[in-house]
Amino acid sequence: MQLNFSKNIRAATASDAAAIAEIYNHAVLHSTAIWNEKTVDAANRVAWMAERQKMGYPVLVAVDAQQQVLGYASFGDWRAFDGYRHTVEHSVYVHPKAQGSGIGKALMQALMLQAQQLGKHVMVAAIEAGNAPSIALHRQLGFSQTGYMPQVGTKFGRWLDLVWMQRQLDSV
């Protein structure tokens, strides 16, 4: 599969932390994409980025012509046991004003390529079952559903179901 992604995707820097926190916090407050209920500040995102980068993992941002952050993506270890060292779990979030514009797809393509270059074998996604756009995006990118876990989380006073999807990266 040939990957084509925007030249406007780059490694995140500390100067992107406030914008990343804004996107994260919007998802916390208004969606079930993130199962956290507490917002974060820029310092928290700087520390998160530093931890990811210390582990050798990317944090990518998609930016517009004015370098405004439109979305971000990253991956980390799926599980902390040695046998899972070739499997990563990713996250991708797009600013609400930029959703549906292809930014999530471009970030995912760049992220999959970076995971492949790091020798990762499988990328895993954990998606709230009602998040049809995210599930559709992952299917479009070659992910397949491998699991369904009913009522394993809660947010906004209701139980949430989790869909597991994965993609083997050797075919990227």
C-alpha atoms as a PDB file:
ATOM      1  CA  MET A   1       0.000   0.000   0.000  1.00  0.00           C
ATOM      2  CA  GLN A   2       1.445   3.368  -1.011  1.00  0.00           C
ATOM      3  CA  LEU A   3       1.135   5.961   1.720  1.00  0.00           C
ATOM      4  CA  ASN A   4       0.516   9.552   0.796  1.00  0.00           C
ATOM      5  CA  PHE A   5       0.203  12.058   3.572  1.00  0.00           C
ATOM      6  CA  SER A   6       0.368  15.790   3.857  1.00  0.00           C
ATOM      7  CA  LYS A   7       3.649  17.624   4.136  1.00  0.00           C
ATOM      8  CA  ASN A   8       1.887  19.483   6.945  1.00  0.00           C
ATOM      9  CA  ILE A   9       2.432  16.615   9.361  1.00  0.00           C
ATOM     10  CA  ARG A  10       5.454  16.953  11.599  1.00  0.00           C
ATOM     11  CA  ALA A  11       6.829  15.931  14.953  1.00  0.00           C
ATOM     12  CA  ALA A  12       5.165  17.777  17.803  1.00  0.00           C
ATOM     13  CA  THR A  13       7.176  20.187  19.916  1.00  0.00           C
ATOM     14  CA  ALA A  14       6.587  21.736  23.324  1.00  0.00           C
ATOM     15  CA  SER A  15       5.181  24.810  21.561  1.00  0.00           C
ATOM     16  CA  ASP A  16       2.307  22.610  20.315  1.00  0.00           C
ATOM     17  CA  ALA A  17       1.346  21.487  23.832  1.00  0.00           C
ATOM     18  CA  ALA A  18      -1.377  24.086  24.448  1.00  0.00           C
ATOM     19  CA  ALA A  19      -3.108  23.276  21.158  1.00  0.00           C
ATOM     20  CA  ILE A  20      -2.819  19.529  21.830  1.00  0.00           C
ATOM     21  CA  ALA A  21      -4.305  20.089  25.305  1.00  0.00           C
ATOM     22  CA  GLU A  22      -7.184  22.062  23.754  1.00  0.00           C
ATOM     23  CA  ILE A  23      -8.020  19.207  21.357  1.00  0.00           C
ATOM     24  CA  TYR A  24      -7.656  16.625  24.137  1.00  0.00           C
ATOM     25  CA  ASN A  25      -9.825  18.631  26.531  1.00  0.00           C
ATOM     26  CA  HIS A  26     -12.568  19.073  23.936  1.00  0.00           C
ATOM     27  CA  ALA A  27     -12.692  15.285  23.544  1.00  0.00           C
ATOM     28  CA  VAL A  28     -12.759  14.849  27.333  1.00  0.00           C
ATOM     29  CA  LEU A  29     -15.599  17.324  27.818  1.00  0.00           C
ATOM     30  CA  HIS A  30     -17.736  16.595  24.752  1.00  0.00           C
ATOM     31  CA  SER A  31     -17.175  13.024  23.561  1.00  0.00           C
ATOM     32  CA  THR A  32     -16.642   9.435  24.556  1.00  0.00           C
ATOM     33  CA  ALA A  33     -13.477   9.206  22.435  1.00  0.00           C
ATOM     34  CA  ILE A  34     -11.413   9.623  25.622  1.00  0.00           C
ATOM     35  CA  TRP A  35     -12.640   7.852  28.731  1.00  0.00           C
ATOM     36  CA  ASN A  36     -11.080  10.380  31.085  1.00  0.00           C
ATOM     37  CA  GLU A  37     -13.130  13.003  32.859  1.00  0.00           C
ATOM     38  CA  LYS A  38     -10.363  15.415  33.878  1.00  0.00           C
ATOM     39  CA  THR A  39      -8.922  18.042  31.577  1.00  0.00           C
ATOM     40  CA  VAL A  40      -5.193  18.704  31.270  1.00  0.00           C
ATOM     41  CA  ASP A  41      -2.978  21.742  30.809  1.00  0.00           C
ATOM     42  CA  ALA A  42      -0.075  22.398  28.462  1.00  0.00           C
ATOM     43  CA  ALA A  43       2.470  21.300  31.092  1.00  0.00           C
ATOM     44  CA  ASN A  44       0.748  17.925  31.302  1.00  0.00           C
ATOM     45  CA  ARG A  45       0.962  17.506  27.518  1.00  0.00           C
ATOM     46  CA  VAL A  46       4.650  18.529  27.511  1.00  0.00           C
ATOM     47  CA  ALA A  47       5.330  15.799  30.072  1.00  0.00           C
ATOM     48  CA  TRP A  48       3.254  13.300  28.070  1.00  0.00           C
ATOM     49  CA  MET A  49       5.156  14.137  24.871  1.00  0.00           C
ATOM     50  CA  ALA A  50       8.511  13.871  26.651  1.00  0.00           C
ATOM     51  CA  GLU A  51       7.592  10.447  28.020  1.00  0.00           C
ATOM     52  CA  ARG A  52       6.516   9.179  24.598  1.00  0.00           C
ATOM     53  CA  GLN A  53       9.621  10.563  22.926  1.00  0.00           C
ATOM     54  CA  LYS A  54      11.878   9.137  25.672  1.00  0.00           C
ATOM     55  CA  MET A  55      10.474   5.724  24.775  1.00  0.00           C
ATOM     56  CA  GLY A  56      11.302   6.366  21.114  1.00  0.00           C
ATOM     57  CA  TYR A  57       7.684   6.869  20.096  1.00  0.00           C
ATOM     58  CA  PRO A  58       6.396   9.719  17.939  1.00  0.00           C
ATOM     59  CA  VAL A  59       3.900  12.432  18.685  1.00  0.00           C
ATOM     60  CA  LEU A  60       2.778  13.911  15.378  1.00  0.00           C
ATOM     61  CA  VAL A  61       0.746  17.014  14.644  1.00  0.00           C
ATOM     62  CA  ALA A  62      -1.087  18.091  11.520  1.00  0.00           C
ATOM     63  CA  VAL A  63      -0.868  21.838  10.977  1.00  0.00           C
ATOM     64  CA  ASP A  64      -2.348  24.357   8.579  1.00  0.00           C
ATOM     65  CA  ALA A  65      -0.396  26.929   6.567  1.00  0.00           C
ATOM     66  CA  GLN A  66      -0.176  29.173   9.653  1.00  0.00           C
ATOM     67  CA  GLN A  67       1.200  26.258  11.736  1.00  0.00           C
ATOM     68  CA  GLN A  68      -2.010  26.000  13.781  1.00  0.00           C
ATOM     69  CA  VAL A  69      -2.420  22.462  15.123  1.00  0.00           C
ATOM     70  CA  LEU A  70      -5.417  20.717  13.542  1.00  0.00           C
ATOM     71  CA  GLY A  71      -4.880  17.291  15.052  1.00  0.00           C
ATOM     72  CA  TYR A  72      -2.385  15.008  16.712  1.00  0.00           C
ATOM     73  CA  ALA A  73      -1.535  11.325  16.895  1.00  0.00           C
ATOM     74  CA  SER A  74       0.795   9.058  18.809  1.00  0.00           C
ATOM     75  CA  PHE A  75       1.334   5.475  19.829  1.00  0.00           C
ATOM     76  CA  GLY A  76       2.820   3.665  22.768  1.00  0.00           C
ATOM     77  CA  ASP A  77       3.281   0.191  24.130  1.00  0.00           C
ATOM     78  CA  TRP A  78       0.111  -1.862  24.035  1.00  0.00           C
ATOM     79  CA  ARG A  79       1.024  -3.891  27.091  1.00  0.00           C
ATOM     80  CA  ALA A  80       4.097  -3.749  29.298  1.00  0.00           C
ATOM     81  CA  PHE A  81       5.214  -7.354  28.826  1.00  0.00           C
ATOM     82  CA  ASP A  82       8.190  -8.299  26.625  1.00  0.00           C
ATOM     83  CA  GLY A  83       6.115 -10.548  24.400  1.00  0.00           C
ATOM     84  CA  TYR A  84       4.046  -7.560  23.250  1.00  0.00           C
ATOM     85  CA  ARG A  85       7.038  -5.383  22.286  1.00  0.00           C
ATOM     86  CA  HIS A  86       6.114  -5.431  18.586  1.00  0.00           C
ATOM     87  CA  THR A  87       2.528  -4.260  19.190  1.00  0.00           C
ATOM     88  CA  VAL A  88       1.519  -0.642  19.766  1.00  0.00           C
ATOM     89  CA  GLU A  89      -1.746   1.091  20.591  1.00  0.00           C
ATOM     90  CA  HIS A  90      -2.387   4.454  19.006  1.00  0.00           C
ATOM     91  CA  SER A  91      -4.463   7.565  19.536  1.00  0.00           C
ATOM     92  CA  VAL A  92      -5.538  10.123  16.958  1.00  0.00           C
ATOM     93  CA  TYR A  93      -7.571  13.255  17.647  1.00  0.00           C
ATOM     94  CA  VAL A  94      -8.644  16.053  15.323  1.00  0.00           C
ATOM     95  CA  HIS A  95      -9.802  19.553  16.248  1.00  0.00           C
ATOM     96  CA  PRO A  96     -13.622  19.662  16.010  1.00  0.00           C
ATOM     97  CA  LYS A  97     -13.482  22.333  13.294  1.00  0.00           C
ATOM     98  CA  ALA A  98     -11.244  20.100  11.139  1.00  0.00           C
ATOM     99  CA  GLN A  99     -13.010  16.765  11.589  1.00  0.00           C
ATOM    100  CA  GLY A 100     -14.063  15.057   8.363  1.00  0.00           C
ATOM    101  CA  SER A 101     -11.377  16.825   6.327  1.00  0.00           C
ATOM    102  CA  GLY A 102      -8.977  13.879   5.938  1.00  0.00           C
ATOM    103  CA  ILE A 103      -6.594  15.000   8.682  1.00  0.00           C
ATOM    104  CA  GLY A 104      -7.237  11.933  10.821  1.00  0.00           C
ATOM    105  CA  LYS A 105      -6.508   9.659   7.869  1.00  0.00           C
ATOM    106  CA  ALA A 106      -3.296  11.512   7.023  1.00  0.00           C
ATOM    107  CA  LEU A 107      -2.137  11.359  10.643  1.00  0.00           C
ATOM    108  CA  MET A 108      -2.923   7.646  10.806  1.00  0.00           C
ATOM    109  CA  GLN A 109      -1.009   6.939   7.595  1.00  0.00           C
ATOM    110  CA  ALA A 110       2.023   8.813   8.913  1.00  0.00           C
ATOM    111  CA  LEU A 111       1.744   7.038  12.262  1.00  0.00           C
ATOM    112  CA  MET A 112       1.522   3.584  10.668  1.00  0.00           C
ATOM    113  CA  LEU A 113       4.586   4.328   8.568  1.00  0.00           C
ATOM    114  CA  GLN A 114       6.560   5.420  11.628  1.00  0.00           C
ATOM    115  CA  ALA A 115       5.484   2.295  13.528  1.00  0.00           C
ATOM    116  CA  GLN A 116       6.592   0.137  10.627  1.00  0.00           C
ATOM    117  CA  GLN A 117       9.948   1.931  10.492  1.00  0.00           C
ATOM    118  CA  LEU A 118      10.379   1.191  14.209  1.00  0.00           C
ATOM    119  CA  GLY A 119       9.860  -2.514  13.518  1.00  0.00           C
ATOM    120  CA  LYS A 120       6.379  -2.740  14.972  1.00  0.00           C
ATOM    121  CA  HIS A 121       4.260  -5.627  13.729  1.00  0.00           C
ATOM    122  CA  VAL A 122       0.716  -4.764  14.839  1.00  0.00           C
ATOM    123  CA  MET A 123      -1.115  -1.525  15.634  1.00  0.00           C
ATOM    124  CA  VAL A 124      -4.125  -1.771  17.952  1.00  0.00           C
ATOM    125  CA  ALA A 125      -7.073   0.603  18.303  1.00  0.00           C
ATOM    126  CA  ALA A 126      -9.497   0.707  21.233  1.00  0.00           C
ATOM    127  CA  ILE A 127     -12.584   2.637  20.088  1.00  0.00           C
ATOM    128  CA  GLU A 128     -15.846   3.425  21.841  1.00  0.00           C
ATOM    129  CA  ALA A 129     -18.428   1.310  20.008  1.00  0.00           C
ATOM    130  CA  GLY A 130     -20.648   4.279  19.174  1.00  0.00           C
ATOM    131  CA  ASN A 131     -17.831   6.176  17.440  1.00  0.00           C
ATOM    132  CA  ALA A 132     -18.869   5.204  13.910  1.00  0.00           C
ATOM    133  CA  PRO A 133     -16.580   7.732  12.143  1.00  0.00           C
ATOM    134  CA  SER A 134     -13.479   6.376  13.899  1.00  0.00           C
ATOM    135  CA  ILE A 135     -14.461   2.770  13.233  1.00  0.00           C
ATOM    136  CA  ALA A 136     -15.068   3.601   9.556  1.00  0.00           C
ATOM    137  CA  LEU A 137     -11.707   5.381   9.278  1.00  0.00           C
ATOM    138  CA  HIS A 138      -9.901   2.404  10.749  1.00  0.00           C
ATOM    139  CA  ARG A 139     -11.690  -0.003   8.399  1.00  0.00           C
ATOM    140  CA  GLN A 140     -10.731   2.223   5.470  1.00  0.00           C
ATOM    141  CA  LEU A 141      -7.104   1.978   6.589  1.00  0.00           C
ATOM    142  CA  GLY A 142      -7.171  -1.821   6.710  1.00  0.00           C
ATOM    143  CA  PHE A 143      -7.924  -2.391  10.391  1.00  0.00           C
ATOM    144  CA  SER A 144     -10.246  -5.251  11.271  1.00  0.00           C
ATOM    145  CA  GLN A 145     -12.391  -5.682  14.351  1.00  0.00           C
ATOM    146  CA  THR A 146     -10.939  -8.309  16.648  1.00  0.00           C
ATOM    147  CA  GLY A 147     -13.006  -7.832  19.780  1.00  0.00           C
ATOM    148  CA  TYR A 148     -16.033  -6.282  21.414  1.00  0.00           C
ATOM    149  CA  MET A 149     -16.272  -5.665  25.143  1.00  0.00           C
ATOM    150  CA  PRO A 150     -19.668  -4.488  26.405  1.00  0.00           C
ATOM    151  CA  GLN A 151     -19.980  -2.045  29.293  1.00  0.00           C
ATOM    152  CA  VAL A 152     -16.295  -1.913  30.259  1.00  0.00           C
ATOM    153  CA  GLY A 153     -16.253   1.865  30.740  1.00  0.00           C
ATOM    154  CA  THR A 154     -18.474   4.682  31.869  1.00  0.00           C
ATOM    155  CA  LYS A 155     -18.797   8.353  31.062  1.00  0.00           C
ATOM    156  CA  PHE A 156     -21.599  10.902  31.088  1.00  0.00           C
ATOM    157  CA  GLY A 157     -23.626   8.592  33.350  1.00  0.00           C
ATOM    158  CA  ARG A 158     -23.808   5.670  30.922  1.00  0.00           C
ATOM    159  CA  TRP A 159     -21.979   2.443  30.236  1.00  0.00           C
ATOM    160  CA  LEU A 160     -19.664   2.327  27.230  1.00  0.00           C
ATOM    161  CA  ASP A 161     -18.763  -0.578  24.988  1.00  0.00           C
ATOM    162  CA  LEU A 162     -15.286  -0.990  23.539  1.00  0.00           C
ATOM    163  CA  VAL A 163     -14.402  -2.175  20.034  1.00  0.00           C
ATOM    164  CA  TRP A 164     -10.901  -3.557  19.479  1.00  0.00           C
ATOM    165  CA  MET A 165      -9.413  -3.217  16.003  1.00  0.00           C
ATOM    166  CA  GLN A 166      -5.974  -4.053  14.708  1.00  0.00           C
ATOM    167  CA  ARG A 167      -3.845  -3.908  11.609  1.00  0.00           C
ATOM    168  CA  GLN A 168      -0.753  -5.886  10.750  1.00  0.00           C
ATOM    169  CA  LEU A 169       1.870  -3.342   9.711  1.00  0.00           C
ATOM    170  CA  ASP A 170       4.063  -5.592   7.595  1.00  0.00           C
ATOM    171  CA  SER A 171       1.677  -4.895   4.700  1.00  0.00           C
ATOM    172  CA  VAL A 172       1.900  -1.079   4.982  1.00  0.00           C
END
